[in-house]
PDB file of N, CA and C in Angstrom:
ATOM      1  N   MET A   1      40.574-112.000   4.693  1.00  0.00           N
ATOM      2  CA  MET A   1      41.153-110.759   4.651  1.00  0.00           C
ATOM      3  C   MET A   1      41.194-110.364   6.217  1.00  0.00           C
ATOM      4  N   THR A   2      42.116-109.670   6.779  1.00  0.00           N
ATOM      5  CA  THR A   2      42.289-109.194   8.032  1.00  0.00           C
ATOM      6  C   THR A   2      41.292-107.986   8.272  1.00  0.00           C
ATOM      7  N   ASP A   3      41.183-107.567   9.668  1.00  0.00           N
ATOM      8  CA  ASP A   3      40.398-106.311   9.932  1.00  0.00           C
ATOM      9  C   ASP A   3      41.148-105.187   9.525  1.00  0.00           C
ATOM     10  N   VAL A   4      40.423-104.092   8.875  1.00  0.00           N
ATOM     11  CA  VAL A   4      40.951-102.848   8.510  1.00  0.00           C
ATOM     12  C   VAL A   4      40.623-101.870   9.547  1.00  0.00           C
ATOM     13  N   PRO A   5      41.412-100.974  10.140  1.00  0.00           N
ATOM     14  CA  PRO A   5      41.241 -99.930  11.018  1.00  0.00           C
ATOM     15  C   PRO A   5      40.072 -99.074  10.287  1.00  0.00           C
ATOM     16  N   PRO A   6      39.085 -98.649  11.085  1.00  0.00           N
ATOM     17  CA  PRO A   6      37.804 -97.938  10.643  1.00  0.00           C
ATOM     18  C   PRO A   6      38.406 -96.670  10.019  1.00  0.00           C
ATOM     19  N   ALA A   7      39.355 -95.996  10.462  1.00  0.00           N
ATOM     20  CA  ALA A   7      39.821 -94.827   9.762  1.00  0.00           C
ATOM     21  C   ALA A   7      40.309 -95.012   8.412  1.00  0.00           C
ATOM     22  N   LEU A   8      40.699 -96.125   8.031  1.00  0.00           N
ATOM     23  CA  LEU A   8      41.425 -96.438   6.884  1.00  0.00           C
ATOM     24  C   LEU A   8      40.587 -97.343   5.960  1.00  0.00           C
ATOM     25  N   ALA A   9      39.285 -97.141   6.026  1.00  0.00           N
ATOM     26  CA  ALA A   9      38.456 -98.230   5.216  1.00  0.00           C
ATOM     27  C   ALA A   9      38.102 -97.798   3.927  1.00  0.00           C
ATOM     28  N   GLY A  10      39.043 -96.768   3.197  1.00  0.00           N
ATOM     29  CA  GLY A  10      38.903 -96.432   1.909  1.00  0.00           C
ATOM     30  C   GLY A  10      39.153 -97.557   0.983  1.00  0.00           C
ATOM     31  N   ALA A  11      39.362 -97.227  -0.423  1.00  0.00           N
ATOM     32  CA  ALA A  11      39.546 -98.005  -1.484  1.00  0.00           C
ATOM     33  C   ALA A  11      41.047 -98.785  -1.302  1.00  0.00           C
ATOM     34  N   VAL A  12      41.914 -98.088  -0.653  1.00  0.00           N
ATOM     35  CA  VAL A  12      43.302 -98.697  -0.656  1.00  0.00           C
ATOM     36  C   VAL A  12      43.610 -99.596   0.512  1.00  0.00           C
ATOM     37  N   ALA A  13      42.824 -99.221   1.761  1.00  0.00           N
ATOM     38  CA  ALA A  13      42.909-100.060   2.940  1.00  0.00           C
ATOM     39  C   ALA A  13      42.722-101.621   2.723  1.00  0.00           C
ATOM     40  N   PRO A  14      41.777-102.012   2.037  1.00  0.00           N
ATOM     41  CA  PRO A  14      41.528-103.700   1.870  1.00  0.00           C
ATOM     42  C   PRO A  14      42.702-104.141   1.216  1.00  0.00           C
ATOM     43  N   MET A  15      43.256-103.477   0.173  1.00  0.00           N
ATOM     44  CA  MET A  15      44.413-104.057  -0.560  1.00  0.00           C
ATOM     45  C   MET A  15      45.653-104.127   0.336  1.00  0.00           C
ATOM     46  N   MET A  16      45.769-103.135   1.199  1.00  0.00           N
ATOM     47  CA  MET A  16      46.904-103.110   2.179  1.00  0.00           C
ATOM     48  C   MET A  16      46.728-104.227   2.996  1.00  0.00           C
ATOM     49  N   ALA A  17      45.620-104.296   3.609  1.00  0.00           N
ATOM     50  CA  ALA A  17      45.321-105.516   4.532  1.00  0.00           C
ATOM     51  C   ALA A  17      45.553-106.810   3.905  1.00  0.00           C
ATOM     52  N   GLU A  18      45.050-106.984   2.838  1.00  0.00           N
ATOM     53  CA  GLU A  18      45.382-108.361   2.090  1.00  0.00           C
ATOM     54  C   GLU A  18      46.812-108.645   1.818  1.00  0.00           C
ATOM     55  N   LYS A  19      47.530-107.578   1.674  1.00  0.00           N
ATOM     56  CA  LYS A  19      49.121-107.735   1.433  1.00  0.00           C
ATOM     57  C   LYS A  19      49.773-107.950   2.737  1.00  0.00           C
ATOM     58  N   GLY A  20      49.247-107.788   3.780  1.00  0.00           N
ATOM     59  CA  GLY A  20      49.698-107.987   5.319  1.00  0.00           C
ATOM     60  C   GLY A  20      50.450-106.668   5.715  1.00  0.00           C
ATOM     61  N   LEU A  21      50.070-105.518   5.189  1.00  0.00           N
ATOM     62  CA  LEU A  21      50.790-104.367   5.734  1.00  0.00           C
ATOM     63  C   LEU A  21      50.287-103.862   7.063  1.00  0.00           C
ATOM     64  N   TYR A  22      49.162-104.335   7.649  1.00  0.00           N
ATOM     65  CA  TYR A  22      48.752-104.094   8.818  1.00  0.00           C
ATOM     66  C   TYR A  22      49.263-105.068   9.944  1.00  0.00           C
ATOM     67  N   GLN A  23      50.063-105.981   9.578  1.00  0.00           N
ATOM     68  CA  GLN A  23      50.524-107.029  10.467  1.00  0.00           C
ATOM     69  C   GLN A  23      51.692-106.527  11.310  1.00  0.00           C
ATOM     70  N   LYS A  24      51.918-106.702  12.552  1.00  0.00           N
ATOM     71  CA  LYS A  24      53.102-106.235  13.214  1.00  0.00           C
ATOM     72  C   LYS A  24      54.324-107.034  12.891  1.00  0.00           C
ATOM     73  N   HIS A  25      55.368-106.540  13.089  1.00  0.00           N
ATOM     74  CA  HIS A  25      56.783-107.063  12.579  1.00  0.00           C
ATOM     75  C   HIS A  25      57.555-107.253  13.958  1.00  0.00           C
ATOM     76  N   SER A  26      58.204-108.270  14.019  1.00  0.00           N
ATOM     77  CA  SER A  26      58.986-108.484  15.332  1.00  0.00           C
ATOM     78  C   SER A  26      60.219-107.454  15.343  1.00  0.00           C
ATOM     79  N   LEU A  27      60.491-107.096  16.495  1.00  0.00           N
ATOM     80  CA  LEU A  27      61.757-106.073  16.783  1.00  0.00           C
ATOM     81  C   LEU A  27      62.963-106.808  16.726  1.00  0.00           C
ATOM     82  N   ASP A  28      62.950-108.267  16.470  1.00  0.00           N
ATOM     83  CA  ASP A  28      64.090-109.079  16.406  1.00  0.00           C
ATOM     84  C   ASP A  28      64.826-108.957  15.062  1.00  0.00           C
ATOM     85  N   HIS A  29      64.087-108.566  14.051  1.00  0.00           N
ATOM     86  CA  HIS A  29      64.589-108.547  12.796  1.00  0.00           C
ATOM     87  C   HIS A  29      65.803-107.442  12.787  1.00  0.00           C
ATOM     88  N   PRO A  30      66.849-107.786  12.093  1.00  0.00           N
ATOM     89  CA  PRO A  30      68.140-106.895  12.128  1.00  0.00           C
ATOM     90  C   PRO A  30      67.847-105.474  11.737  1.00  0.00           C
ATOM     91  N   LEU A  31      67.194-105.170  10.775  1.00  0.00           N
ATOM     92  CA  LEU A  31      66.830-103.872  10.360  1.00  0.00           C
ATOM     93  C   LEU A  31      66.146-103.090  11.347  1.00  0.00           C
ATOM     94  N   LEU A  32      65.117-103.725  11.943  1.00  0.00           N
ATOM     95  CA  LEU A  32      64.315-103.028  12.891  1.00  0.00           C
ATOM     96  C   LEU A  32      65.167-102.875  14.228  1.00  0.00           C
ATOM     97  N   LYS A  33      66.196-103.783  14.581  1.00  0.00           N
ATOM     98  CA  LYS A  33      66.837-103.763  15.718  1.00  0.00           C
ATOM     99  C   LYS A  33      67.797-102.455  15.555  1.00  0.00           C
ATOM    100  N   VAL A  34      68.263-102.282  14.336  1.00  0.00           N
ATOM    101  CA  VAL A  34      69.166-101.104  14.230  1.00  0.00           C
ATOM    102  C   VAL A  34      68.484 -99.896  14.287  1.00  0.00           C
ATOM    103  N   PHE A  35      67.202 -99.781  13.715  1.00  0.00           N
ATOM    104  CA  PHE A  35      66.294 -98.567  13.699  1.00  0.00           C
ATOM    105  C   PHE A  35      66.020 -98.270  15.200  1.00  0.00           C
ATOM    106  N   ALA A  36      65.590 -99.260  15.932  1.00  0.00           N
ATOM    107  CA  ALA A  36      65.196 -99.107  17.362  1.00  0.00           C
ATOM    108  C   ALA A  36      66.143 -98.613  18.160  1.00  0.00           C
ATOM    109  N   MET A  37      67.451 -99.029  17.895  1.00  0.00           N
ATOM    110  CA  MET A  37      68.662 -98.460  18.700  1.00  0.00           C
ATOM    111  C   MET A  37      68.679 -96.869  18.295  1.00  0.00           C
ATOM    112  N   TYR A  38      68.621 -96.522  16.976  1.00  0.00           N
ATOM    113  CA  TYR A  38      68.821 -95.262  16.532  1.00  0.00           C
ATOM    114  C   TYR A  38      67.708 -94.408  17.263  1.00  0.00           C
ATOM    115  N   LEU A  39      66.502 -94.783  17.231  1.00  0.00           N
ATOM    116  CA  LEU A  39      65.383 -94.090  17.873  1.00  0.00           C
ATOM    117  C   LEU A  39      65.787 -93.842  19.491  1.00  0.00           C
ATOM    118  N   GLU A  40      66.134 -95.054  20.017  1.00  0.00           N
ATOM    119  CA  GLU A  40      66.539 -94.921  21.518  1.00  0.00           C
ATOM    120  C   GLU A  40      67.658 -94.136  21.834  1.00  0.00           C
ATOM    121  N   LYS A  41      68.600 -94.257  21.061  1.00  0.00           N
ATOM    122  CA  LYS A  41      70.041 -93.523  21.556  1.00  0.00           C
ATOM    123  C   LYS A  41      70.136 -92.173  20.785  1.00  0.00           C
ATOM    124  N   ALA A  42      69.967 -92.240  19.732  1.00  0.00           N
ATOM    125  CA  ALA A  42      70.272 -90.903  18.851  1.00  0.00           C
ATOM    126  C   ALA A  42      69.198 -89.795  19.067  1.00  0.00           C
ATOM    127  N   LEU A  43      67.917 -90.295  18.991  1.00  0.00           N
ATOM    128  CA  LEU A  43      66.797 -89.362  19.069  1.00  0.00           C
ATOM    129  C   LEU A  43      66.287 -89.420  20.693  1.00  0.00           C
ATOM    130  N   VAL A  44      66.878 -90.032  21.444  1.00  0.00           N
ATOM    131  CA  VAL A  44      66.494 -90.198  22.885  1.00  0.00           C
ATOM    132  C   VAL A  44      64.876 -90.445  22.959  1.00  0.00           C
ATOM    133  N   ASN A  45      64.363 -91.395  21.944  1.00  0.00           N
ATOM    134  CA  ASN A  45      62.909 -91.509  22.095  1.00  0.00           C
ATOM    135  C   ASN A  45      62.761 -92.918  23.011  1.00  0.00           C
ATOM    136  N   GLU A  46      62.198 -92.718  24.049  1.00  0.00           N
ATOM    137  CA  GLU A  46      61.898 -93.823  24.942  1.00  0.00           C
ATOM    138  C   GLU A  46      60.609 -94.653  24.650  1.00  0.00           C
ATOM    139  N   HIS A  47      59.767 -94.142  23.877  1.00  0.00           N
ATOM    140  CA  HIS A  47      58.510 -94.662  23.475  1.00  0.00           C
ATOM    141  C   HIS A  47      58.431 -95.142  22.053  1.00  0.00           C
ATOM    142  N   PHE A  48      59.393 -95.667  21.516  1.00  0.00           N
ATOM    143  CA  PHE A  48      59.461 -95.970  20.059  1.00  0.00           C
ATOM    144  C   PHE A  48      58.648 -97.203  19.773  1.00  0.00           C
ATOM    145  N   LYS A  49      58.318 -98.057  20.890  1.00  0.00           N
ATOM    146  CA  LYS A  49      57.528 -99.236  20.485  1.00  0.00           C
ATOM    147  C   LYS A  49      56.018 -98.975  20.503  1.00  0.00           C
ATOM    148  N   GLN A  50      55.622 -97.754  20.952  1.00  0.00           N
ATOM    149  CA  GLN A  50      54.175 -97.460  20.893  1.00  0.00           C
ATOM    150  C   GLN A  50      53.624 -97.601  19.538  1.00  0.00           C
ATOM    151  N   GLU A  51      52.337 -97.891  19.472  1.00  0.00           N
ATOM    152  CA  GLU A  51      51.643 -98.070  18.203  1.00  0.00           C
ATOM    153  C   GLU A  51      51.112 -96.547  17.916  1.00  0.00           C
ATOM    154  N   VAL A  52      51.191 -96.198  16.670  1.00  0.00           N
ATOM    155  CA  VAL A  52      50.798 -94.890  16.329  1.00  0.00           C
ATOM    156  C   VAL A  52      49.441 -94.934  15.529  1.00  0.00           C
ATOM    157  N   ARG A  53      48.317 -94.180  15.815  1.00  0.00           N
ATOM    158  CA  ARG A  53      47.181 -94.379  15.179  1.00  0.00           C
ATOM    159  C   ARG A  53      47.030 -93.098  14.390  1.00  0.00           C
ATOM    160  N   ILE A  54      46.545 -93.333  13.160  1.00  0.00           N
ATOM    161  CA  ILE A  54      46.295 -92.091  12.344  1.00  0.00           C
ATOM    162  C   ILE A  54      44.781 -91.839  12.061  1.00  0.00           C
TER     163      ILE A  54
END
Protein backbone atom coordinates (compact mmCIF):
# COMPACT_ATOMS: atom_id res chain seq x y z
CA MET A 1 0.00 0.00 0.00
CA THR A 2 1.22 3.54 -0.73
CA ASP A 3 1.66 6.28 1.85
CA VAL A 4 -1.55 7.96 2.95
CA PRO A 5 -1.45 11.70 3.68
CA PRO A 6 -1.82 12.21 7.47
CA ALA A 7 -4.86 14.46 7.06
CA LEU A 8 -6.65 11.67 5.20
CA ALA A 9 -5.82 8.73 7.43
CA GLY A 10 -9.51 7.90 8.05
CA ALA A 11 -11.30 4.73 7.02
CA VAL A 12 -11.63 5.72 3.36
CA ALA A 13 -8.03 6.84 2.76
CA PRO A 14 -6.41 3.36 2.83
CA MET A 15 -8.90 2.10 0.25
CA MET A 16 -8.27 5.13 -1.98
CA ALA A 17 -4.50 4.64 -1.71
CA GLU A 18 -4.87 0.95 -2.55
CA LYS A 19 -6.81 1.83 -5.70
CA GLY A 20 -4.14 4.36 -6.75
CA LEU A 21 -6.17 7.52 -6.30
CA TYR A 22 -3.24 9.35 -4.70
CA GLN A 23 -0.95 8.70 -7.65
CA LYS A 24 -0.20 11.62 -9.94
CA HIS A 25 -1.32 11.52 -13.55
CA SER A 26 0.60 12.78 -16.55
CA LEU A 27 -0.54 16.05 -18.10
CA ASP A 28 0.15 14.40 -21.46
CA HIS A 29 -3.17 12.54 -21.26
CA PRO A 30 -5.56 14.08 -23.84
CA LEU A 31 -8.34 14.78 -21.30
CA LEU A 32 -5.97 16.49 -18.89
CA LYS A 33 -4.37 18.47 -21.72
CA VAL A 34 -7.74 19.94 -22.68
CA PHE A 35 -8.62 20.70 -19.05
CA ALA A 36 -5.20 22.33 -18.49
CA MET A 37 -5.73 24.54 -21.54
CA TYR A 38 -9.17 25.53 -20.20
CA LEU A 39 -7.72 26.46 -16.81
CA GLU A 40 -4.87 28.38 -18.37
CA LYS A 41 -6.76 30.22 -21.12
CA ALA A 42 -10.41 30.57 -20.07
CA LEU A 43 -9.88 30.99 -16.33
CA VAL A 44 -6.46 32.66 -16.63
CA ASN A 45 -5.10 30.32 -13.98
CA GLU A 46 -1.31 30.38 -14.20
CA HIS A 47 -0.78 27.94 -11.33
CA PHE A 48 -2.98 25.03 -12.38
CA LYS A 49 -0.12 22.55 -11.95
CA GLN A 50 0.30 23.23 -8.24
CA GLU A 51 -0.63 20.45 -5.84
CA VAL A 52 -3.58 21.20 -3.59
CA ARG A 53 -3.46 20.05 0.01
CA ILE A 54 -6.66 19.50 1.94
